Amino acid sequence: MPNEKFWDAATAVEGDNSQPALIVAWHHGCACGEKVVSLNGVPFDPSAIDRLIRTLRKARRQVYGK
């Protein structure tokens, strides 16, 4: 299952074997026909993912002015 991992930038150091703060994983297109996107192992439906993206964009704009 493909995934992207994110570490806490304030404390993580490359190669220190720390656990990631967030893992985004997805699965689709195999013979089983299953489609899933999960955050830290919790599956999310398409509407929840869209809401999360909107919320992250809003937070970024308010904090960084973009």
N, C-alpha and C. Protein backbone atom coordinates (compact mmCIF):
# COMPACT_ATOMS: atom_id res chain seq x y z
N MET A 1 0.86 -1.16 0.00
CA MET A 1 0.00 0.00 0.00
C MET A 1 0.91 1.24 0.00
N PRO A 2 0.78 2.11 -1.00
CA PRO A 2 1.58 3.33 -1.02
C PRO A 2 1.26 4.22 0.18
N ASN A 3 2.24 4.99 0.63
CA ASN A 3 1.98 5.90 1.74
C ASN A 3 3.00 7.03 1.76
N GLU A 4 2.64 8.06 2.49
CA GLU A 4 3.52 9.20 2.77
C GLU A 4 3.58 9.34 4.28
N LYS A 5 4.78 9.60 4.80
CA LYS A 5 4.95 9.73 6.25
C LYS A 5 5.43 11.13 6.58
N PHE A 6 4.94 11.64 7.70
CA PHE A 6 5.29 12.99 8.15
C PHE A 6 5.76 12.92 9.60
N TRP A 7 6.89 13.54 9.88
CA TRP A 7 7.45 13.57 11.23
C TRP A 7 7.29 14.94 11.84
N ASP A 8 7.32 14.99 13.16
CA ASP A 8 7.29 16.25 13.89
C ASP A 8 8.60 16.98 13.64
N ALA A 9 8.55 18.08 12.91
CA ALA A 9 9.76 18.80 12.52
C ALA A 9 10.53 19.37 13.70
N ALA A 10 9.87 19.57 14.83
CA ALA A 10 10.54 20.17 15.99
C ALA A 10 11.43 19.17 16.72
N THR A 11 11.12 17.87 16.63
CA THR A 11 11.88 16.90 17.43
C THR A 11 12.54 15.79 16.61
N ALA A 12 12.05 15.51 15.43
CA ALA A 12 12.58 14.39 14.65
C ALA A 12 13.89 14.78 13.97
N VAL A 13 14.78 13.81 13.91
CA VAL A 13 16.05 13.97 13.22
C VAL A 13 16.18 12.79 12.26
N GLU A 14 16.61 13.04 11.05
CA GLU A 14 16.74 11.98 10.06
C GLU A 14 17.59 10.83 10.61
N GLY A 15 17.06 9.62 10.49
CA GLY A 15 17.78 8.44 10.93
C GLY A 15 17.70 8.14 12.41
N ASP A 16 16.86 8.85 13.17
CA ASP A 16 16.79 8.61 14.62
C ASP A 16 15.79 7.52 15.01
N ASN A 17 15.19 6.86 14.02
CA ASN A 17 14.22 5.77 14.24
C ASN A 17 12.96 6.21 14.97
N SER A 18 12.63 7.51 14.93
CA SER A 18 11.39 7.98 15.57
C SER A 18 10.19 7.58 14.73
N GLN A 19 9.04 7.53 15.37
CA GLN A 19 7.79 7.20 14.69
C GLN A 19 7.23 8.44 14.00
N PRO A 20 6.67 8.30 12.81
CA PRO A 20 6.07 9.46 12.15
C PRO A 20 4.84 9.95 12.91
N ALA A 21 4.58 11.25 12.82
CA ALA A 21 3.40 11.84 13.45
C ALA A 21 2.15 11.53 12.65
N LEU A 22 2.30 11.36 11.33
CA LEU A 22 1.16 11.13 10.46
C LEU A 22 1.57 10.21 9.31
N ILE A 23 0.72 9.22 9.01
CA ILE A 23 0.91 8.36 7.85
C ILE A 23 -0.36 8.42 7.02
N VAL A 24 -0.22 8.85 5.78
CA VAL A 24 -1.33 8.85 4.82
C VAL A 24 -1.09 7.68 3.88
N ALA A 25 -2.02 6.73 3.84
CA ALA A 25 -1.89 5.54 3.01
C ALA A 25 -3.11 5.39 2.12
N TRP A 26 -2.92 4.76 0.96
CA TRP A 26 -4.04 4.54 0.05
C TRP A 26 -3.86 3.22 -0.66
N HIS A 27 -5.00 2.70 -1.15
CA HIS A 27 -5.02 1.39 -1.79
C HIS A 27 -6.13 1.41 -2.84
N HIS A 28 -5.80 1.05 -4.05
CA HIS A 28 -6.81 0.95 -5.11
C HIS A 28 -6.22 0.20 -6.30
N GLY A 29 -7.08 -0.20 -7.19
CA GLY A 29 -6.65 -0.77 -8.45
C GLY A 29 -6.10 -2.18 -8.41
N CYS A 30 -6.34 -2.92 -7.35
CA CYS A 30 -5.87 -4.30 -7.32
C CYS A 30 -7.04 -5.25 -7.62
N ALA A 31 -6.75 -6.52 -7.69
CA ALA A 31 -7.77 -7.52 -8.01
C ALA A 31 -8.88 -7.58 -6.97
N CYS A 32 -8.59 -7.18 -5.72
CA CYS A 32 -9.61 -7.25 -4.66
C CYS A 32 -10.70 -6.19 -4.85
N GLY A 33 -10.41 -5.13 -5.61
CA GLY A 33 -11.40 -4.09 -5.86
C GLY A 33 -11.58 -3.11 -4.72
N GLU A 34 -10.81 -3.26 -3.66
CA GLU A 34 -10.93 -2.38 -2.50
C GLU A 34 -10.29 -1.02 -2.79
N LYS A 35 -10.95 0.04 -2.32
CA LYS A 35 -10.43 1.40 -2.41
C LYS A 35 -10.48 2.01 -1.03
N VAL A 36 -9.35 2.51 -0.55
CA VAL A 36 -9.32 3.10 0.78
C VAL A 36 -8.21 4.15 0.87
N VAL A 37 -8.50 5.21 1.59
CA VAL A 37 -7.50 6.20 1.99
C VAL A 37 -7.58 6.25 3.51
N SER A 38 -6.42 6.15 4.16
CA SER A 38 -6.42 6.17 5.63
C SER A 38 -5.39 7.15 6.16
N LEU A 39 -5.69 7.70 7.33
CA LEU A 39 -4.78 8.56 8.07
C LEU A 39 -4.49 7.87 9.39
N ASN A 40 -3.22 7.55 9.61
CA ASN A 40 -2.81 6.79 10.80
C ASN A 40 -3.65 5.53 10.99
N GLY A 41 -3.97 4.86 9.89
CA GLY A 41 -4.71 3.60 9.94
C GLY A 41 -6.21 3.72 10.01
N VAL A 42 -6.74 4.95 10.06
CA VAL A 42 -8.18 5.16 10.13
C VAL A 42 -8.69 5.50 8.73
N PRO A 43 -9.59 4.67 8.17
CA PRO A 43 -10.10 4.94 6.82
C PRO A 43 -11.03 6.16 6.78
N PHE A 44 -10.94 6.93 5.69
CA PHE A 44 -11.78 8.11 5.49
C PHE A 44 -12.48 7.99 4.15
N ASP A 45 -13.75 8.45 4.11
CA ASP A 45 -14.49 8.45 2.85
C ASP A 45 -14.14 9.71 2.06
N PRO A 46 -14.53 9.77 0.77
CA PRO A 46 -14.17 10.92 -0.06
C PRO A 46 -14.63 12.26 0.49
N SER A 47 -15.82 12.33 1.09
CA SER A 47 -16.29 13.63 1.60
C SER A 47 -15.45 14.08 2.80
N ALA A 48 -15.03 13.16 3.64
CA ALA A 48 -14.18 13.52 4.78
C ALA A 48 -12.81 13.99 4.30
N ILE A 49 -12.27 13.35 3.26
CA ILE A 49 -10.98 13.77 2.71
C ILE A 49 -11.09 15.17 2.12
N ASP A 50 -12.17 15.45 1.38
CA ASP A 50 -12.37 16.79 0.82
C ASP A 50 -12.45 17.84 1.91
N ARG A 51 -13.17 17.53 2.99
CA ARG A 51 -13.29 18.47 4.10
C ARG A 51 -11.93 18.71 4.77
N LEU A 52 -11.15 17.65 4.93
CA LEU A 52 -9.82 17.79 5.51
C LEU A 52 -8.93 18.68 4.65
N ILE A 53 -8.97 18.49 3.34
CA ILE A 53 -8.17 19.32 2.43
C ILE A 53 -8.59 20.78 2.54
N ARG A 54 -9.90 21.05 2.54
CA ARG A 54 -10.38 22.43 2.69
C ARG A 54 -9.92 23.04 4.01
N THR A 55 -9.99 22.25 5.08
CA THR A 55 -9.58 22.74 6.40
C THR A 55 -8.09 23.03 6.44
N LEU A 56 -7.27 22.17 5.87
CA LEU A 56 -5.82 22.41 5.83
C LEU A 56 -5.48 23.66 5.01
N ARG A 57 -6.17 23.84 3.89
CA ARG A 57 -5.94 25.05 3.08
C ARG A 57 -6.34 26.31 3.84
N LYS A 58 -7.47 26.25 4.54
CA LYS A 58 -7.92 27.40 5.34
C LYS A 58 -6.90 27.72 6.42
N ALA A 59 -6.42 26.70 7.12
CA ALA A 59 -5.43 26.91 8.18
C ALA A 59 -4.15 27.49 7.60
N ARG A 60 -3.69 26.98 6.47
CA ARG A 60 -2.48 27.50 5.83
C ARG A 60 -2.64 28.96 5.46
N ARG A 61 -3.78 29.32 4.86
CA ARG A 61 -4.03 30.72 4.47
C ARG A 61 -4.02 31.63 5.69
N GLN A 62 -4.69 31.20 6.76
CA GLN A 62 -4.79 32.05 7.94
C GLN A 62 -3.45 32.20 8.66
N VAL A 63 -2.62 31.17 8.62
CA VAL A 63 -1.33 31.24 9.31
C VAL A 63 -0.26 31.88 8.44
N TYR A 64 -0.20 31.49 7.18
CA TYR A 64 0.89 31.92 6.31
C TYR A 64 0.49 32.98 5.29
N GLY A 65 -0.79 33.32 5.22
CA GLY A 65 -1.25 34.38 4.32
C GLY A 65 -1.30 34.02 2.87
N LYS A 66 -1.44 32.77 2.55
CA LYS A 66 -1.55 32.36 1.14
C LYS A 66 -2.92 31.86 0.85
